[in-house]
Structures are given as structure tokens and as C-alpha cells.
Amino acid sequence: VKRGDIGSTGDDYAEAWIDRDGPFR
């Protein structure tokens, strides 16, 4: 996905893609 951003924006990208409860996991 090549994401990279600051603060809460970057954190939410991470939650979407690698949080065990996220939509993509």
C-alpha cells in the first residue's frame, strides 16, 4: 500500500491494514 503520513492519518492507515480487528488485517 506504500502508505506514509503524519499523526492520526498515518495511525488510521495502519489500523486499516494491520490491526488484527481492522477491515483488511
mmCIF file of all heavy atoms, coordinates in Angstrom:
data_MODEL
# 
_entry.id   MODEL 
# 
loop_
_atom_site.group_PDB 
_atom_site.id 
_atom_site.type_symbol 
_atom_site.label_atom_id 
_atom_site.label_alt_id 
_atom_site.label_comp_id 
_atom_site.label_asym_id 
_atom_site.label_entity_id 
_atom_site.label_seq_id 
_atom_site.pdbx_PDB_ins_code 
_atom_site.Cartn_x 
_atom_site.Cartn_y 
_atom_site.Cartn_z 
_atom_site.occupancy 
_atom_site.B_iso_or_equiv 
_atom_site.pdbx_formal_charge 
_atom_site.auth_seq_id 
_atom_site.auth_comp_id 
_atom_site.auth_asym_id 
_atom_site.auth_atom_id 
_atom_site.pdbx_PDB_model_num 
ATOM 1   N N   . VAL A 1 1  ? 0.807   -1.220  0.000  1.00 0.00 ? 1  VAL A N   1 
ATOM 2   C CA  . VAL A 1 1  ? 0.000   0.000   0.000  1.00 0.00 ? 1  VAL A CA  1 
ATOM 3   C C   . VAL A 1 1  ? 0.841   1.272   0.000  1.00 0.00 ? 1  VAL A C   1 
ATOM 4   O O   . VAL A 1 1  ? 0.337   2.350   -0.288 1.00 0.00 ? 1  VAL A O   1 
ATOM 5   C CB  . VAL A 1 1  ? -0.979  0.025   1.194  1.00 0.00 ? 1  VAL A CB  1 
ATOM 6   C CG1 . VAL A 1 1  ? -2.046  -1.033  1.042  1.00 0.00 ? 1  VAL A CG1 1 
ATOM 7   C CG2 . VAL A 1 1  ? -0.244  -0.174  2.515  1.00 0.00 ? 1  VAL A CG2 1 
ATOM 8   N N   . LYS A 1 2  ? 2.115   1.159   0.382  1.00 0.00 ? 2  LYS A N   1 
ATOM 9   C CA  . LYS A 1 2  ? 3.046   2.300   0.390  1.00 0.00 ? 2  LYS A CA  1 
ATOM 10  C C   . LYS A 1 2  ? 2.453   3.520   1.069  1.00 0.00 ? 2  LYS A C   1 
ATOM 11  O O   . LYS A 1 2  ? 2.542   4.643   0.572  1.00 0.00 ? 2  LYS A O   1 
ATOM 12  C CB  . LYS A 1 2  ? 3.494   2.633   -1.037 1.00 0.00 ? 2  LYS A CB  1 
ATOM 13  C CG  . LYS A 1 2  ? 4.266   1.498   -1.720 1.00 0.00 ? 2  LYS A CG  1 
ATOM 14  C CD  . LYS A 1 2  ? 4.740   1.907   -3.094 1.00 0.00 ? 2  LYS A CD  1 
ATOM 15  C CE  . LYS A 1 2  ? 5.568   0.805   -3.735 1.00 0.00 ? 2  LYS A CE  1 
ATOM 16  N NZ  . LYS A 1 2  ? 4.752   -0.357  -4.143 1.00 0.00 ? 2  LYS A NZ  1 
ATOM 17  N N   . ARG A 1 3  ? 1.879   3.328   2.239  1.00 0.00 ? 3  ARG A N   1 
ATOM 18  C CA  . ARG A 1 3  ? 1.344   4.451   2.989  1.00 0.00 ? 3  ARG A CA  1 
ATOM 19  C C   . ARG A 1 3  ? 2.457   5.152   3.758  1.00 0.00 ? 3  ARG A C   1 
ATOM 20  O O   . ARG A 1 3  ? 3.491   4.561   4.056  1.00 0.00 ? 3  ARG A O   1 
ATOM 21  C CB  . ARG A 1 3  ? 0.276   3.966   3.977  1.00 0.00 ? 3  ARG A CB  1 
ATOM 22  C CG  . ARG A 1 3  ? -0.935  3.297   3.327  1.00 0.00 ? 3  ARG A CG  1 
ATOM 23  C CD  . ARG A 1 3  ? -1.725  4.279   2.483  1.00 0.00 ? 3  ARG A CD  1 
ATOM 24  N NE  . ARG A 1 3  ? -3.029  3.732   2.137  1.00 0.00 ? 3  ARG A NE  1 
ATOM 25  C CZ  . ARG A 1 3  ? -3.360  3.239   0.950  1.00 0.00 ? 3  ARG A CZ  1 
ATOM 26  N NH1 . ARG A 1 3  ? -2.468  3.231   -0.019 1.00 0.00 ? 3  ARG A NH1 1 
ATOM 27  N NH2 . ARG A 1 3  ? -4.578  2.770   0.722  1.00 0.00 ? 3  ARG A NH2 1 
ATOM 28  N N   . GLY A 1 4  ? 2.228   6.414   4.099  1.00 0.00 ? 4  GLY A N   1 
ATOM 29  C CA  . GLY A 1 4  ? 3.199   7.165   4.873  1.00 0.00 ? 4  GLY A CA  1 
ATOM 30  C C   . GLY A 1 4  ? 2.659   8.554   5.135  1.00 0.00 ? 4  GLY A C   1 
ATOM 31  O O   . GLY A 1 4  ? 2.584   9.365   4.214  1.00 0.00 ? 4  GLY A O   1 
ATOM 32  N N   . ASP A 1 5  ? 2.261   8.818   6.352  1.00 0.00 ? 5  ASP A N   1 
ATOM 33  C CA  . ASP A 1 5  ? 1.688   10.114  6.685  1.00 0.00 ? 5  ASP A CA  1 
ATOM 34  C C   . ASP A 1 5  ? 1.952   10.402  8.152  1.00 0.00 ? 5  ASP A C   1 
ATOM 35  O O   . ASP A 1 5  ? 2.483   9.559   8.878  1.00 0.00 ? 5  ASP A O   1 
ATOM 36  C CB  . ASP A 1 5  ? 0.186   10.127  6.389  1.00 0.00 ? 5  ASP A CB  1 
ATOM 37  C CG  . ASP A 1 5  ? -0.319  11.497  5.956  1.00 0.00 ? 5  ASP A CG  1 
ATOM 38  O OD1 . ASP A 1 5  ? 0.288   12.506  6.388  1.00 0.00 ? 5  ASP A OD1 1 
ATOM 39  O OD2 . ASP A 1 5  ? -1.303  11.562  5.196  1.00 0.00 ? 5  ASP A OD2 1 
ATOM 40  N N   . ILE A 1 6  ? 1.558   11.585  8.598  1.00 0.00 ? 6  ILE A N   1 
ATOM 41  C CA  . ILE A 1 6  ? 1.865   12.003  9.958  1.00 0.00 ? 6  ILE A CA  1 
ATOM 42  C C   . ILE A 1 6  ? 0.654   11.867  10.866 1.00 0.00 ? 6  ILE A C   1 
ATOM 43  O O   . ILE A 1 6  ? -0.495  11.852  10.418 1.00 0.00 ? 6  ILE A O   1 
ATOM 44  C CB  . ILE A 1 6  ? 2.365   13.464  9.992  1.00 0.00 ? 6  ILE A CB  1 
ATOM 45  C CG1 . ILE A 1 6  ? 1.304   14.410  9.404  1.00 0.00 ? 6  ILE A CG1 1 
ATOM 46  C CG2 . ILE A 1 6  ? 3.676   13.586  9.247  1.00 0.00 ? 6  ILE A CG2 1 
ATOM 47  C CD1 . ILE A 1 6  ? 1.662   15.872  9.545  1.00 0.00 ? 6  ILE A CD1 1 
ATOM 48  N N   . GLY A 1 7  ? 0.926   11.735  12.145 1.00 0.00 ? 7  GLY A N   1 
ATOM 49  C CA  . GLY A 1 7  ? -0.102  11.815  13.168 1.00 0.00 ? 7  GLY A CA  1 
ATOM 50  C C   . GLY A 1 7  ? -1.218  10.811  13.008 1.00 0.00 ? 7  GLY A C   1 
ATOM 51  O O   . GLY A 1 7  ? -1.001  9.642   12.639 1.00 0.00 ? 7  GLY A O   1 
ATOM 52  N N   . SER A 1 8  ? -2.430  11.265  13.273 1.00 0.00 ? 8  SER A N   1 
ATOM 53  C CA  . SER A 1 8  ? -3.588  10.369  13.282 1.00 0.00 ? 8  SER A CA  1 
ATOM 54  C C   . SER A 1 8  ? -3.874  9.797   11.908 1.00 0.00 ? 8  SER A C   1 
ATOM 55  O O   . SER A 1 8  ? -4.426  8.698   11.788 1.00 0.00 ? 8  SER A O   1 
ATOM 56  C CB  . SER A 1 8  ? -4.823  11.112  13.803 1.00 0.00 ? 8  SER A CB  1 
ATOM 57  O OG  . SER A 1 8  ? -5.121  12.235  12.995 1.00 0.00 ? 8  SER A OG  1 
ATOM 58  N N   . THR A 1 9  ? -3.489  10.512  10.842 1.00 0.00 ? 9  THR A N   1 
ATOM 59  C CA  . THR A 1 9  ? -3.718  9.992   9.494  1.00 0.00 ? 9  THR A CA  1 
ATOM 60  C C   . THR A 1 9  ? -2.908  8.718   9.270  1.00 0.00 ? 9  THR A C   1 
ATOM 61  O O   . THR A 1 9  ? -3.433  7.702   8.811  1.00 0.00 ? 9  THR A O   1 
ATOM 62  C CB  . THR A 1 9  ? -3.331  11.048  8.442  1.00 0.00 ? 9  THR A CB  1 
ATOM 63  O OG1 . THR A 1 9  ? -3.968  12.278  8.752  1.00 0.00 ? 9  THR A OG1 1 
ATOM 64  C CG2 . THR A 1 9  ? -3.752  10.599  7.057  1.00 0.00 ? 9  THR A CG2 1 
ATOM 65  N N   . GLY A 1 10 ? -1.624  8.782   9.596  1.00 0.00 ? 10 GLY A N   1 
ATOM 66  C CA  . GLY A 1 10 ? -0.787  7.594   9.470  1.00 0.00 ? 10 GLY A CA  1 
ATOM 67  C C   . GLY A 1 10 ? -1.255  6.475   10.371 1.00 0.00 ? 10 GLY A C   1 
ATOM 68  O O   . GLY A 1 10 ? -1.253  5.299   9.985  1.00 0.00 ? 10 GLY A O   1 
ATOM 69  N N   . ASP A 1 11 ? -1.682  6.826   11.585 1.00 0.00 ? 11 ASP A N   1 
ATOM 70  C CA  . ASP A 1 11 ? -2.157  5.808   12.521 1.00 0.00 ? 11 ASP A CA  1 
ATOM 71  C C   . ASP A 1 11 ? -3.382  5.088   11.975 1.00 0.00 ? 11 ASP A C   1 
ATOM 72  O O   . ASP A 1 11 ? -3.529  3.867   12.117 1.00 0.00 ? 11 ASP A O   1 
ATOM 73  C CB  . ASP A 1 11 ? -2.490  6.436   13.875 1.00 0.00 ? 11 ASP A CB  1 
ATOM 74  C CG  . ASP A 1 11 ? -1.252  6.982   14.588 1.00 0.00 ? 11 ASP A CG  1 
ATOM 75  O OD1 . ASP A 1 11 ? -0.129  6.667   14.150 1.00 0.00 ? 11 ASP A OD1 1 
ATOM 76  O OD2 . ASP A 1 11 ? -1.432  7.714   15.572 1.00 0.00 ? 11 ASP A OD2 1 
ATOM 77  N N   . ASP A 1 12 ? -4.293  5.842   11.346 1.00 0.00 ? 12 ASP A N   1 
ATOM 78  C CA  . ASP A 1 12 ? -5.502  5.216   10.825 1.00 0.00 ? 12 ASP A CA  1 
ATOM 79  C C   . ASP A 1 12 ? -5.224  4.348   9.602  1.00 0.00 ? 12 ASP A C   1 
ATOM 80  O O   . ASP A 1 12 ? -5.886  3.328   9.395  1.00 0.00 ? 12 ASP A O   1 
ATOM 81  C CB  . ASP A 1 12 ? -6.550  6.280   10.499 1.00 0.00 ? 12 ASP A CB  1 
ATOM 82  C CG  . ASP A 1 12 ? -7.371  6.674   11.723 1.00 0.00 ? 12 ASP A CG  1 
ATOM 83  O OD1 . ASP A 1 12 ? -7.028  6.215   12.830 1.00 0.00 ? 12 ASP A OD1 1 
ATOM 84  O OD2 . ASP A 1 12 ? -8.342  7.442   11.581 1.00 0.00 ? 12 ASP A OD2 1 
ATOM 85  N N   . TYR A 1 13 ? -4.243  4.737   8.782  1.00 0.00 ? 13 TYR A N   1 
ATOM 86  C CA  . TYR A 1 13 ? -3.841  3.834   7.709  1.00 0.00 ? 13 TYR A CA  1 
ATOM 87  C C   . TYR A 1 13 ? -3.391  2.492   8.299  1.00 0.00 ? 13 TYR A C   1 
ATOM 88  O O   . TYR A 1 13 ? -3.751  1.416   7.802  1.00 0.00 ? 13 TYR A O   1 
ATOM 89  C CB  . TYR A 1 13 ? -2.677  4.431   6.911  1.00 0.00 ? 13 TYR A CB  1 
ATOM 90  C CG  . TYR A 1 13 ? -3.055  5.450   5.868  1.00 0.00 ? 13 TYR A CG  1 
ATOM 91  C CD1 . TYR A 1 13 ? -2.335  6.643   5.750  1.00 0.00 ? 13 TYR A CD1 1 
ATOM 92  C CD2 . TYR A 1 13 ? -4.104  5.231   4.984  1.00 0.00 ? 13 TYR A CD2 1 
ATOM 93  C CE1 . TYR A 1 13 ? -2.654  7.590   4.782  1.00 0.00 ? 13 TYR A CE1 1 
ATOM 94  C CE2 . TYR A 1 13 ? -4.433  6.162   4.018  1.00 0.00 ? 13 TYR A CE2 1 
ATOM 95  C CZ  . TYR A 1 13 ? -3.709  7.347   3.916  1.00 0.00 ? 13 TYR A CZ  1 
ATOM 96  O OH  . TYR A 1 13 ? -4.020  8.277   2.959  1.00 0.00 ? 13 TYR A OH  1 
ATOM 97  N N   . ALA A 1 14 ? -2.611  2.563   9.354  1.00 0.00 ? 14 ALA A N   1 
ATOM 98  C CA  . ALA A 1 14 ? -2.124  1.341   9.984  1.00 0.00 ? 14 ALA A CA  1 
ATOM 99  C C   . ALA A 1 14 ? -3.274  0.524   10.562 1.00 0.00 ? 14 ALA A C   1 
ATOM 100 O O   . ALA A 1 14 ? -3.301  -0.710  10.435 1.00 0.00 ? 14 ALA A O   1 
ATOM 101 C CB  . ALA A 1 14 ? -1.112  1.689   11.076 1.00 0.00 ? 14 ALA A CB  1 
ATOM 102 N N   . GLU A 1 15 ? -4.228  1.196   11.209 1.00 0.00 ? 15 GLU A N   1 
ATOM 103 C CA  . GLU A 1 15 ? -5.368  0.465   11.767 1.00 0.00 ? 15 GLU A CA  1 
ATOM 104 C C   . GLU A 1 15 ? -6.156  -0.246  10.679 1.00 0.00 ? 15 GLU A C   1 
ATOM 105 O O   . GLU A 1 15 ? -6.670  -1.344  10.888 1.00 0.00 ? 15 GLU A O   1 
ATOM 106 C CB  . GLU A 1 15 ? -6.269  1.420   12.547 1.00 0.00 ? 15 GLU A CB  1 
ATOM 107 C CG  . GLU A 1 15 ? -5.674  1.842   13.879 1.00 0.00 ? 15 GLU A CG  1 
ATOM 108 C CD  . GLU A 1 15 ? -6.653  2.615   14.740 1.00 0.00 ? 15 GLU A CD  1 
ATOM 109 O OE1 . GLU A 1 15 ? -7.872  2.515   14.483 1.00 0.00 ? 15 GLU A OE1 1 
ATOM 110 O OE2 . GLU A 1 15 ? -6.198  3.304   15.663 1.00 0.00 ? 15 GLU A OE2 1 
ATOM 111 N N   . ALA A 1 16 ? -6.260  0.360   9.515  1.00 0.00 ? 16 ALA A N   1 
ATOM 112 C CA  . ALA A 1 16 ? -6.999  -0.265  8.420  1.00 0.00 ? 16 ALA A CA  1 
ATOM 113 C C   . ALA A 1 16 ? -6.309  -1.527  7.921  1.00 0.00 ? 16 ALA A C   1 
ATOM 114 O O   . ALA A 1 16 ? -6.964  -2.534  7.646  1.00 0.00 ? 16 ALA A O   1 
ATOM 115 C CB  . ALA A 1 16 ? -7.158  0.728   7.268  1.00 0.00 ? 16 ALA A CB  1 
ATOM 116 N N   . TRP A 1 17 ? -4.971  -1.486  7.845  1.00 0.00 ? 17 TRP A N   1 
ATOM 117 C CA  . TRP A 1 17 ? -4.273  -2.566  7.146  1.00 0.00 ? 17 TRP A CA  1 
ATOM 118 C C   . TRP A 1 17 ? -3.643  -3.620  8.043  1.00 0.00 ? 17 TRP A C   1 
ATOM 119 O O   . TRP A 1 17 ? -3.501  -4.772  7.615  1.00 0.00 ? 17 TRP A O   1 
ATOM 120 C CB  . TRP A 1 17 ? -3.200  -1.960  6.227  1.00 0.00 ? 17 TRP A CB  1 
ATOM 121 C CG  . TRP A 1 17 ? -3.835  -1.258  5.074  1.00 0.00 ? 17 TRP A CG  1 
ATOM 122 C CD1 . TRP A 1 17 ? -4.000  0.088   4.909  1.00 0.00 ? 17 TRP A CD1 1 
ATOM 123 C CD2 . TRP A 1 17 ? -4.444  -1.866  3.930  1.00 0.00 ? 17 TRP A CD2 1 
ATOM 124 N NE1 . TRP A 1 17 ? -4.671  0.349   3.744  1.00 0.00 ? 17 TRP A NE1 1 
ATOM 125 C CE2 . TRP A 1 17 ? -4.954  -0.830  3.122  1.00 0.00 ? 17 TRP A CE2 1 
ATOM 126 C CE3 . TRP A 1 17 ? -4.608  -3.188  3.522  1.00 0.00 ? 17 TRP A CE3 1 
ATOM 127 C CZ2 . TRP A 1 17 ? -5.620  -1.067  1.927  1.00 0.00 ? 17 TRP A CZ2 1 
ATOM 128 C CZ3 . TRP A 1 17 ? -5.267  -3.436  2.323  1.00 0.00 ? 17 TRP A CZ3 1 
ATOM 129 C CH2 . TRP A 1 17 ? -5.761  -2.389  1.542  1.00 0.00 ? 17 TRP A CH2 1 
ATOM 130 N N   . ILE A 1 18 ? -3.253  -3.269  9.282  1.00 0.00 ? 18 ILE A N   1 
ATOM 131 C CA  . ILE A 1 18 ? -2.521  -4.262  10.071 1.00 0.00 ? 18 ILE A CA  1 
ATOM 132 C C   . ILE A 1 18 ? -3.059  -4.451  11.486 1.00 0.00 ? 18 ILE A C   1 
ATOM 133 O O   . ILE A 1 18 ? -2.483  -5.229  12.244 1.00 0.00 ? 18 ILE A O   1 
ATOM 134 C CB  . ILE A 1 18 ? -1.008  -3.933  10.121 1.00 0.00 ? 18 ILE A CB  1 
ATOM 135 C CG1 . ILE A 1 18 ? -0.753  -2.497  10.603 1.00 0.00 ? 18 ILE A CG1 1 
ATOM 136 C CG2 . ILE A 1 18 ? -0.364  -4.205  8.773  1.00 0.00 ? 18 ILE A CG2 1 
ATOM 137 C CD1 . ILE A 1 18 ? 0.720   -2.150  10.750 1.00 0.00 ? 18 ILE A CD1 1 
ATOM 138 N N   . ASP A 1 19 ? -4.120  -3.760  11.860 1.00 0.00 ? 19 ASP A N   1 
ATOM 139 C CA  . ASP A 1 19 ? -4.753  -4.042  13.147 1.00 0.00 ? 19 ASP A CA  1 
ATOM 140 C C   . ASP A 1 19 ? -5.477  -5.380  13.044 1.00 0.00 ? 19 ASP A C   1 
ATOM 141 O O   . ASP A 1 19 ? -6.145  -5.659  12.042 1.00 0.00 ? 19 ASP A O   1 
ATOM 142 C CB  . ASP A 1 19 ? -5.731  -2.924  13.503 1.00 0.00 ? 19 ASP A CB  1 
ATOM 143 C CG  . ASP A 1 19 ? -6.226  -3.029  14.944 1.00 0.00 ? 19 ASP A CG  1 
ATOM 144 O OD1 . ASP A 1 19 ? -7.001  -3.977  15.211 1.00 0.00 ? 19 ASP A OD1 1 
ATOM 145 O OD2 . ASP A 1 19 ? -5.863  -2.192  15.771 1.00 0.00 ? 19 ASP A OD2 1 
ATOM 146 N N   . ARG A 1 20 ? -5.345  -6.225  14.068 1.00 0.00 ? 20 ARG A N   1 
ATOM 147 C CA  . ARG A 1 20 ? -5.983  -7.548  13.996 1.00 0.00 ? 20 ARG A CA  1 
ATOM 148 C C   . ARG A 1 20 ? -7.502  -7.463  13.899 1.00 0.00 ? 20 ARG A C   1 
ATOM 149 O O   . ARG A 1 20 ? -8.161  -8.413  13.463 1.00 0.00 ? 20 ARG A O   1 
ATOM 150 C CB  . ARG A 1 20 ? -5.565  -8.415  15.185 1.00 0.00 ? 20 ARG A CB  1 
ATOM 151 C CG  . ARG A 1 20 ? -6.023  -7.943  16.539 1.00 0.00 ? 20 ARG A CG  1 
ATOM 152 C CD  . ARG A 1 20 ? -5.753  -9.026  17.602 1.00 0.00 ? 20 ARG A CD  1 
ATOM 153 N NE  . ARG A 1 20 ? -4.349  -9.355  17.706 1.00 0.00 ? 20 ARG A NE  1 
ATOM 154 C CZ  . ARG A 1 20 ? -3.510  -8.788  18.568 1.00 0.00 ? 20 ARG A CZ  1 
ATOM 155 N NH1 . ARG A 1 20 ? -3.933  -7.831  19.375 1.00 0.00 ? 20 ARG A NH1 1 
ATOM 156 N NH2 . ARG A 1 20 ? -2.252  -9.154  18.617 1.00 0.00 ? 20 ARG A NH2 1 
ATOM 157 N N   . ASP A 1 21 ? -8.086  -6.320  14.292 1.00 0.00 ? 21 ASP A N   1 
ATOM 158 C CA  . ASP A 1 21 ? -9.524  -6.128  14.164 1.00 0.00 ? 21 ASP A CA  1 
ATOM 159 C C   . ASP A 1 21 ? -9.872  -5.173  13.026 1.00 0.00 ? 21 ASP A C   1 
ATOM 160 O O   . ASP A 1 21 ? -11.031 -4.762  12.889 1.00 0.00 ? 21 ASP A O   1 
ATOM 161 C CB  . ASP A 1 21 ? -10.096 -5.575  15.476 1.00 0.00 ? 21 ASP A CB  1 
ATOM 162 C CG  . ASP A 1 21 ? -9.920  -6.540  16.633 1.00 0.00 ? 21 ASP A CG  1 
ATOM 163 O OD1 . ASP A 1 21 ? -10.136 -7.747  16.426 1.00 0.00 ? 21 ASP A OD1 1 
ATOM 164 O OD2 . ASP A 1 21 ? -9.548  -6.092  17.745 1.00 0.00 ? 21 ASP A OD2 1 
ATOM 165 N N   . GLY A 1 22 ? -8.901  -4.809  12.207 1.00 0.00 ? 22 GLY A N   1 
ATOM 166 C CA  . GLY A 1 22 ? -9.133  -3.883  11.113 1.00 0.00 ? 22 GLY A CA  1 
ATOM 167 C C   . GLY A 1 22 ? -9.825  -4.537  9.938  1.00 0.00 ? 22 GLY A C   1 
ATOM 168 O O   . GLY A 1 22 ? -9.969  -5.766  9.868  1.00 0.00 ? 22 GLY A O   1 
ATOM 169 N N   . PRO A 1 23 ? -10.258 -3.741  8.967  1.00 0.00 ? 23 PRO A N   1 
ATOM 170 C CA  . PRO A 1 23 ? -11.025 -4.289  7.851  1.00 0.00 ? 23 PRO A CA  1 
ATOM 171 C C   . PRO A 1 23 ? -10.221 -5.177  6.914  1.00 0.00 ? 23 PRO A C   1 
ATOM 172 O O   . PRO A 1 23 ? -10.794 -6.049  6.250  1.00 0.00 ? 23 PRO A O   1 
ATOM 173 C CB  . PRO A 1 23 ? -11.539 -3.038  7.128  1.00 0.00 ? 23 PRO A CB  1 
ATOM 174 C CG  . PRO A 1 23 ? -10.607 -1.948  7.530  1.00 0.00 ? 23 PRO A CG  1 
ATOM 175 C CD  . PRO A 1 23 ? -10.173 -2.268  8.919  1.00 0.00 ? 23 PRO A CD  1 
ATOM 176 N N   . PHE A 1 24 ? -8.908  -4.979  6.818  1.00 0.00 ? 24 PHE A N   1 
ATOM 177 C CA  . PHE A 1 24 ? -8.119  -5.765  5.871  1.00 0.00 ? 24 PHE A CA  1 
ATOM 178 C C   . PHE A 1 24 ? -7.246  -6.812  6.555  1.00 0.00 ? 24 PHE A C   1 
ATOM 179 O O   . PHE A 1 24 ? -7.047  -7.891  6.036  1.00 0.00 ? 24 PHE A O   1 
ATOM 180 C CB  . PHE A 1 24 ? -7.264  -4.830  5.008  1.00 0.00 ? 24 PHE A CB  1 
ATOM 181 C CG  . PHE A 1 24 ? -8.094  -3.890  4.186  1.00 0.00 ? 24 PHE A CG  1 
ATOM 182 C CD1 . PHE A 1 24 ? -8.119  -2.539  4.463  1.00 0.00 ? 24 PHE A CD1 1 
ATOM 183 C CD2 . PHE A 1 24 ? -8.889  -4.371  3.154  1.00 0.00 ? 24 PHE A CD2 1 
ATOM 184 C CE1 . PHE A 1 24 ? -8.896  -1.670  3.717  1.00 0.00 ? 24 PHE A CE1 1 
ATOM 185 C CE2 . PHE A 1 24 ? -9.680  -3.515  2.405  1.00 0.00 ? 24 PHE A CE2 1 
ATOM 186 C CZ  . PHE A 1 24 ? -9.690  -2.158  2.686  1.00 0.00 ? 24 PHE A CZ  1 
ATOM 187 N N   . ARG A 1 25 ? -6.651  -6.485  7.710  1.00 0.00 ? 25 ARG A N   1 
ATOM 188 C CA  . ARG A 1 25 ? -5.944  -7.458  8.538  1.00 0.00 ? 25 ARG A CA  1 
ATOM 189 C C   . ARG A 1 25 ? -4.826  -8.176  7.793  1.00 0.00 ? 25 ARG A C   1 
ATOM 190 O O   . ARG A 1 25 ? -4.717  -9.397  7.820  1.00 0.00 ? 25 ARG A O   1 
ATOM 191 C CB  . ARG A 1 25 ? -6.910  -8.484  9.118  1.00 0.00 ? 25 ARG A CB  1 
ATOM 192 C CG  . ARG A 1 25 ? -7.885  -7.897  10.110 1.00 0.00 ? 25 ARG A CG  1 
ATOM 193 C CD  . ARG A 1 25 ? -8.624  -8.977  10.886 1.00 0.00 ? 25 ARG A CD  1 
ATOM 194 N NE  . ARG A 1 25 ? -9.452  -9.806  10.041 1.00 0.00 ? 25 ARG A NE  1 
ATOM 195 C CZ  . ARG A 1 25 ? -9.497  -11.134 10.104 1.00 0.00 ? 25 ARG A CZ  1 
ATOM 196 N NH1 . ARG A 1 25 ? -8.739  -11.794 10.963 1.00 0.00 ? 25 ARG A NH1 1 
ATOM 197 N NH2 . ARG A 1 25 ? -10.286 -11.822 9.315  1.00 0.00 ? 25 ARG A NH2 1 
# 
